[in-house]
Protein backbone atom coordinates (compact mmCIF):
# COMPACT_ATOMS: atom_id res chain seq x y z
CA MET A 1 50.47 38.10 239.66
CA THR A 2 50.25 41.60 238.25
CA GLU A 3 46.83 43.26 238.29
CA PRO A 4 45.74 45.81 235.67
CA THR A 5 45.87 49.35 237.02
CA CYS A 6 43.79 52.27 235.77
CA PRO A 7 46.08 55.00 234.39
CA ASN A 8 43.63 57.69 235.52
CA CYS A 9 42.75 56.82 239.14
CA SER A 10 45.31 54.05 239.92
CA VAL A 11 42.70 51.56 241.14
CA ALA A 12 44.01 48.00 240.62
CA GLY A 13 42.22 44.78 239.74
CA VAL A 14 40.43 43.22 236.82
CA GLU A 15 37.13 43.46 238.73
CA ASN A 16 37.28 47.23 238.20
CA ILE A 17 37.25 46.89 234.40
CA THR A 18 33.68 46.65 233.15
CA SER A 19 31.80 47.09 229.90
CA LYS A 20 28.55 48.77 228.94
CA GLU A 21 26.45 48.28 225.82
CA SER A 22 25.79 51.28 223.62
CA ILE A 23 22.40 52.97 223.64
CA GLU A 24 22.39 52.88 219.83
CA ARG A 25 20.90 49.64 218.49
CA SER A 26 20.62 47.88 215.17
CA LYS A 27 17.32 46.91 213.57
CA THR A 28 17.63 43.55 215.35
CA ARG A 29 18.06 45.36 218.71
CA GLN A 30 21.75 44.40 219.03
CA PRO A 31 24.05 47.06 220.54
CA TRP A 32 26.38 48.66 218.00
CA TYR A 33 29.38 48.60 220.33
CA LEU A 34 30.65 47.92 223.87
CA ILE A 35 32.46 50.52 225.94
CA VAL A 36 35.18 49.01 228.16
CA HIS A 37 35.87 51.33 231.09
CA CYS A 38 37.03 51.68 234.70
CA ASN A 39 34.04 51.40 237.03
CA GLN A 40 35.65 53.77 239.55
CA CYS A 41 36.48 56.83 237.45
CA GLY A 42 35.03 56.08 234.01
CA HIS A 43 38.34 56.01 232.12
CA VAL A 44 37.62 54.42 228.72
CA TYR A 45 40.02 51.62 227.76
CA ASP A 46 38.47 50.64 224.43
CA ILE A 47 35.35 50.64 222.28
CA ILE A 48 34.57 47.30 220.66
CA ALA A 49 32.27 47.02 217.63
CA LYS A 50 29.50 44.43 218.02
CA HIS A 51 27.28 45.20 215.04
CA VAL A 52 29.17 45.42 211.77
CA PHE A 53 27.68 46.39 208.43
CA SER A 54 28.78 44.15 205.63
CA GLN A 55 28.35 44.33 201.92
CA PRO A 56 26.35 41.40 200.62
CA ILE A 57 28.30 39.49 198.03
CA ALA A 58 26.16 38.50 195.08
CA PRO A 59 26.88 35.02 193.78
CA SER A 60 28.65 35.04 190.47
CA LEU A 61 27.89 32.47 187.83
CA VAL A 62 30.31 32.08 184.99
CA LEU A 63 29.01 30.24 181.95
CA PRO A 64 31.36 28.81 179.35
CA LYS A 65 31.22 30.34 175.89
CA LEU A 66 29.22 28.39 173.35
CA ARG A 67 31.10 27.35 170.21
């Protein structure tokens, strides 16, 4: 089976890929994102959003026209 290899330091193995929560937090104390990186050299593979702002959708009520 092929193991992932870090492109920066060439260390192999999925056990060397770790993640760390961001220092920045939401009002509910959730981390904003995760940083996926090599635990040997620090090469960053990806940044994954955990806390996403969304626009609240107001309910719409459509009333029929009175005749």
